[in-house]
Amino acid sequence: MKVILLENVNKIGSIGEIIDVKRGFARNFLISKKKALFASKENIKEVEKIKQELNKKDLEKKKEAKTIQDKIKNKEYNIKKLSTENKELYGSVKPSEISKLISEVDKLEINPSLIQPSKEIKSLGNFDVTINLHPEIQTQIVIKVIQQSEEK
C-alpha cells in the first residue's frame, strides 16, 4: 500500500516521501497515528502544499527533543525496589515507571513508548536505557536499582 509520510519516521522515511508499506502497518500504525496519508492524487497535492509547515513542526519537535536530551543525557536515576536474597526483583522495572521517575525528578514528560531498556530490568544494579526523543535524536540514561529496606 502506498502512503505519504506526514512526519519523519525512524527507519521508514522522511516527510512528504511516498513509500510502499504493508497494508496492516499503514492502517494500524501510520494512518491511525496520523503519521501518514493514503497516497491518492488529491493527498499528494495536499502534502506538497503543506510540506513546509510539516518541516517547521518537525524542526520544533527536534529542538524540543534536543533540550530534553541536554537535560537528561547520561544522567543516573535511582529506583528503590524490594528484592530477594539473590538480588532479583519481585517483578521488573517497566518503561512507565522510568517515565514517572523522570517526571518526578526533572519535571519532564516522556512517553513510556519512547523508553527502551537495553535488557529487562529484573535485578539490582545499573542498567543502560535508551530514550528515542525524535527519529534523529536519542539519548542514554542509567537506571540504578537499589535495595528498598523493608519497613516492619
C-alpha atoms as a PDB file:
ATOM      1  CA  MET A   1       0.000   0.000   0.000  1.00  0.00           C
ATOM      2  CA  LYS A   2       1.401   3.393  -0.952  1.00  0.00           C
ATOM      3  CA  VAL A   3       1.292   6.149   1.689  1.00  0.00           C
ATOM      4  CA  ILE A   4       2.677   9.674   2.055  1.00  0.00           C
ATOM      5  CA  LEU A   5       4.561  10.363   5.285  1.00  0.00           C
ATOM      6  CA  LEU A   6       3.429  13.395   7.302  1.00  0.00           C
ATOM      7  CA  GLU A   7       6.421  13.246   9.668  1.00  0.00           C
ATOM      8  CA  ASN A   8       9.858  11.669   9.868  1.00  0.00           C
ATOM      9  CA  VAL A   9       9.505   8.041  10.924  1.00  0.00           C
ATOM     10  CA  ASN A  10      12.624   6.247  12.141  1.00  0.00           C
ATOM     11  CA  LYS A  11      13.921   3.642   9.643  1.00  0.00           C
ATOM     12  CA  ILE A  12      10.904   4.250   7.353  1.00  0.00           C
ATOM     13  CA  GLY A  13      11.326   7.629   5.654  1.00  0.00           C
ATOM     14  CA  SER A  14      11.007  11.405   5.905  1.00  0.00           C
ATOM     15  CA  ILE A  15       8.256  13.999   5.463  1.00  0.00           C
ATOM     16  CA  GLY A  16       6.476  14.010   2.105  1.00  0.00           C
ATOM     17  CA  GLU A  17       8.052  10.755   0.971  1.00  0.00           C
ATOM     18  CA  ILE A  18       5.781   8.275  -0.802  1.00  0.00           C
ATOM     19  CA  ILE A  19       6.581   4.795   0.435  1.00  0.00           C
ATOM     20  CA  ASP A  20       5.219   1.298  -0.082  1.00  0.00           C
ATOM     21  CA  VAL A  21       4.372  -0.493   3.168  1.00  0.00           C
ATOM     22  CA  LYS A  22       2.278  -3.462   4.183  1.00  0.00           C
ATOM     23  CA  ARG A  23      -1.434  -2.727   4.384  1.00  0.00           C
ATOM     24  CA  GLY A  24      -1.703  -3.579   8.109  1.00  0.00           C
ATOM     25  CA  PHE A  25       1.255  -1.367   9.074  1.00  0.00           C
ATOM     26  CA  ALA A  26      -0.230   1.507   7.071  1.00  0.00           C
ATOM     27  CA  ARG A  27      -3.737   1.191   8.512  1.00  0.00           C
ATOM     28  CA  ASN A  28      -2.957   0.208  12.078  1.00  0.00           C
ATOM     29  CA  PHE A  29       0.051   2.413  12.744  1.00  0.00           C
ATOM     30  CA  LEU A  30       0.936   5.088  10.197  1.00  0.00           C
ATOM     31  CA  ILE A  31      -2.558   6.299   9.285  1.00  0.00           C
ATOM     32  CA  SER A  32      -4.147   5.749  12.720  1.00  0.00           C
ATOM     33  CA  LYS A  33      -1.355   7.736  14.443  1.00  0.00           C
ATOM     34  CA  LYS A  34      -1.602  10.495  11.780  1.00  0.00           C
ATOM     35  CA  LYS A  35       1.950   9.835  10.606  1.00  0.00           C
ATOM     36  CA  ALA A  36       0.842   9.171   7.011  1.00  0.00           C
ATOM     37  CA  LEU A  37      -1.959   9.539   4.469  1.00  0.00           C
ATOM     38  CA  PHE A  38      -3.146   7.135   1.779  1.00  0.00           C
ATOM     39  CA  ALA A  39      -1.303   8.130  -1.432  1.00  0.00           C
ATOM     40  CA  SER A  40      -4.161   9.364  -3.640  1.00  0.00           C
ATOM     41  CA  LYS A  41      -3.636  12.102  -6.250  1.00  0.00           C
ATOM     42  CA  GLU A  42      -5.511  14.629  -4.063  1.00  0.00           C
ATOM     43  CA  ASN A  43      -3.479  13.765  -0.963  1.00  0.00           C
ATOM     44  CA  ILE A  44      -0.193  14.023  -2.890  1.00  0.00           C
ATOM     45  CA  LYS A  45      -1.097  17.576  -3.992  1.00  0.00           C
ATOM     46  CA  GLU A  46      -2.230  18.462  -0.458  1.00  0.00           C
ATOM     47  CA  VAL A  47       1.014  17.231   1.135  1.00  0.00           C
ATOM     48  CA  GLU A  48       3.113  19.186  -1.386  1.00  0.00           C
ATOM     49  CA  LYS A  49       1.329  22.363  -0.227  1.00  0.00           C
ATOM     50  CA  ILE A  50       1.800  21.748   3.482  1.00  0.00           C
ATOM     51  CA  LYS A  51       5.316  20.251   3.310  1.00  0.00           C
ATOM     52  CA  GLN A  52       6.995  23.450   4.575  1.00  0.00           C
ATOM     53  CA  GLU A  53       4.640  23.628   7.586  1.00  0.00           C
ATOM     54  CA  LEU A  54       5.321  19.971   8.379  1.00  0.00           C
ATOM     55  CA  ASN A  55       9.079  20.598   8.172  1.00  0.00           C
ATOM     56  CA  LYS A  56       8.702  23.568  10.540  1.00  0.00           C
ATOM     57  CA  LYS A  57       6.753  21.450  13.037  1.00  0.00           C
ATOM     58  CA  ASP A  58       9.367  18.717  12.768  1.00  0.00           C
ATOM     59  CA  LEU A  59      12.154  21.235  13.467  1.00  0.00           C
ATOM     60  CA  GLU A  60      10.289  22.438  16.576  1.00  0.00           C
ATOM     61  CA  LYS A  61       9.892  18.851  17.786  1.00  0.00           C
ATOM     62  CA  LYS A  62      13.580  18.285  17.105  1.00  0.00           C
ATOM     63  CA  LYS A  63      14.561  21.418  19.091  1.00  0.00           C
ATOM     64  CA  GLU A  64      12.360  20.311  21.994  1.00  0.00           C
ATOM     65  CA  ALA A  65      13.906  16.832  21.877  1.00  0.00           C
ATOM     66  CA  LYS A  66      17.397  18.389  21.875  1.00  0.00           C
ATOM     67  CA  THR A  67      16.679  20.431  25.046  1.00  0.00           C
ATOM     68  CA  ILE A  68      15.330  17.310  26.806  1.00  0.00           C
ATOM     69  CA  GLN A  69      18.406  15.387  25.648  1.00  0.00           C
ATOM     70  CA  ASP A  70      20.725  18.070  27.095  1.00  0.00           C
ATOM     71  CA  LYS A  71      18.943  17.864  30.470  1.00  0.00           C
ATOM     72  CA  ILE A  72      18.989  14.089  30.904  1.00  0.00           C
ATOM     73  CA  LYS A  73      21.941  12.808  28.842  1.00  0.00           C
ATOM     74  CA  ASN A  74      23.963  10.183  30.751  1.00  0.00           C
ATOM     75  CA  LYS A  75      22.107  11.024  33.959  1.00  0.00           C
ATOM     76  CA  GLU A  76      21.659   8.369  36.640  1.00  0.00           C
ATOM     77  CA  TYR A  77      18.265   7.734  38.250  1.00  0.00           C
ATOM     78  CA  ASN A  78      17.766   5.640  41.387  1.00  0.00           C
ATOM     79  CA  ILE A  79      14.797   3.322  41.857  1.00  0.00           C
ATOM     80  CA  LYS A  80      14.215   1.539  45.163  1.00  0.00           C
ATOM     81  CA  LYS A  81      12.691  -1.924  44.810  1.00  0.00           C
ATOM     82  CA  LEU A  82      12.130  -4.899  47.078  1.00  0.00           C
ATOM     83  CA  SER A  83      14.301  -7.857  46.102  1.00  0.00           C
ATOM     84  CA  THR A  84      15.073 -11.438  47.096  1.00  0.00           C
ATOM     85  CA  GLU A  85      18.268 -12.553  48.831  1.00  0.00           C
ATOM     86  CA  ASN A  86      19.932 -13.255  45.458  1.00  0.00           C
ATOM     87  CA  LYS A  87      19.274  -9.671  44.317  1.00  0.00           C
ATOM     88  CA  GLU A  88      16.392 -10.443  41.935  1.00  0.00           C
ATOM     89  CA  LEU A  89      13.409  -8.102  41.925  1.00  0.00           C
ATOM     90  CA  TYR A  90       9.820  -9.032  42.614  1.00  0.00           C
ATOM     91  CA  GLY A  91       8.607  -8.080  39.116  1.00  0.00           C
ATOM     92  CA  SER A  92      10.592  -5.767  36.860  1.00  0.00           C
ATOM     93  CA  VAL A  93      11.088  -2.050  36.216  1.00  0.00           C
ATOM     94  CA  LYS A  94       8.812  -1.021  33.330  1.00  0.00           C
ATOM     95  CA  PRO A  95       9.187   1.993  30.968  1.00  0.00           C
ATOM     96  CA  SER A  96       6.104   3.570  32.605  1.00  0.00           C
ATOM     97  CA  GLU A  97       7.926   3.561  35.971  1.00  0.00           C
ATOM     98  CA  ILE A  98      11.006   5.124  34.376  1.00  0.00           C
ATOM     99  CA  SER A  99       8.805   7.787  32.731  1.00  0.00           C
ATOM    100  CA  LYS A 100       7.175   8.587  36.099  1.00  0.00           C
ATOM    101  CA  LEU A 101      10.602   8.788  37.777  1.00  0.00           C
ATOM    102  CA  ILE A 102      11.948  11.254  35.173  1.00  0.00           C
ATOM    103  CA  SER A 103       8.749  13.281  35.557  1.00  0.00           C
ATOM    104  CA  GLU A 104       9.199  13.464  39.357  1.00  0.00           C
ATOM    105  CA  VAL A 105      12.939  14.204  39.322  1.00  0.00           C
ATOM    106  CA  ASP A 106      13.336  16.509  36.303  1.00  0.00           C
ATOM    107  CA  LYS A 107       9.724  17.631  35.612  1.00  0.00           C
ATOM    108  CA  LEU A 108       9.989  16.298  32.029  1.00  0.00           C
ATOM    109  CA  GLU A 109       7.155  14.363  30.379  1.00  0.00           C
ATOM    110  CA  ILE A 110       8.492  11.441  28.340  1.00  0.00           C
ATOM    111  CA  ASN A 111       6.114   8.949  26.768  1.00  0.00           C
ATOM    112  CA  PRO A 112       6.848   5.399  28.056  1.00  0.00           C
ATOM    113  CA  SER A 113       6.762   4.093  24.465  1.00  0.00           C
ATOM    114  CA  LEU A 114       9.947   6.108  23.754  1.00  0.00           C
ATOM    115  CA  ILE A 115      11.864   4.392  26.559  1.00  0.00           C
ATOM    116  CA  GLN A 116      13.847   1.260  25.646  1.00  0.00           C
ATOM    117  CA  PRO A 117      15.858  -0.558  28.316  1.00  0.00           C
ATOM    118  CA  SER A 118      18.850  -2.405  26.791  1.00  0.00           C
ATOM    119  CA  LYS A 119      17.659  -5.518  28.625  1.00  0.00           C
ATOM    120  CA  GLU A 120      14.849  -6.291  31.048  1.00  0.00           C
ATOM    121  CA  ILE A 121      15.423  -4.745  34.463  1.00  0.00           C
ATOM    122  CA  LYS A 122      14.806  -7.666  36.839  1.00  0.00           C
ATOM    123  CA  SER A 123      17.609  -7.377  39.391  1.00  0.00           C
ATOM    124  CA  LEU A 124      19.560  -4.872  41.465  1.00  0.00           C
ATOM    125  CA  GLY A 125      22.308  -2.943  39.683  1.00  0.00           C
ATOM    126  CA  ASN A 126      22.888  -0.402  36.896  1.00  0.00           C
ATOM    127  CA  PHE A 127      21.053  -0.631  33.576  1.00  0.00           C
ATOM    128  CA  ASP A 128      21.502   1.401  30.381  1.00  0.00           C
ATOM    129  CA  VAL A 129      18.278   2.789  28.929  1.00  0.00           C
ATOM    130  CA  THR A 130      17.868   4.404  25.509  1.00  0.00           C
ATOM    131  CA  ILE A 131      15.269   7.129  25.038  1.00  0.00           C
ATOM    132  CA  ASN A 132      14.135   7.899  21.471  1.00  0.00           C
ATOM    133  CA  LEU A 133      13.149  11.568  21.745  1.00  0.00           C
ATOM    134  CA  HIS A 134      12.927  12.138  17.962  1.00  0.00           C
ATOM    135  CA  PRO A 135      13.699   9.929  14.943  1.00  0.00           C
ATOM    136  CA  GLU A 136      17.092  11.672  14.743  1.00  0.00           C
ATOM    137  CA  ILE A 137      17.743  12.249  18.471  1.00  0.00           C
ATOM    138  CA  GLN A 138      18.370   9.534  21.045  1.00  0.00           C
ATOM    139  CA  THR A 139      19.870   9.759  24.489  1.00  0.00           C
ATOM    140  CA  GLN A 140      21.157   7.344  27.122  1.00  0.00           C
ATOM    141  CA  ILE A 141      20.384   7.316  30.835  1.00  0.00           C
ATOM    142  CA  VAL A 142      21.340   4.904  33.600  1.00  0.00           C
ATOM    143  CA  ILE A 143      18.759   3.357  35.916  1.00  0.00           C
ATOM    144  CA  LYS A 144      20.288   2.251  39.213  1.00  0.00           C
ATOM    145  CA  VAL A 145      18.097  -0.253  41.034  1.00  0.00           C
ATOM    146  CA  ILE A 146      18.835  -0.294  44.749  1.00  0.00           C
ATOM    147  CA  GLN A 147      17.516  -2.390  47.635  1.00  0.00           C
ATOM    148  CA  GLN A 148      14.459  -0.959  49.345  1.00  0.00           C
ATOM    149  CA  SER A 149      14.576  -1.542  53.073  1.00  0.00           C
ATOM    150  CA  GLU A 150      11.568  -3.440  54.341  1.00  0.00           C
ATOM    151  CA  GLU A 151       9.615  -1.405  56.882  1.00  0.00           C
ATOM    152  CA  LYS A 152       8.191  -3.535  59.687  1.00  0.00           C
END
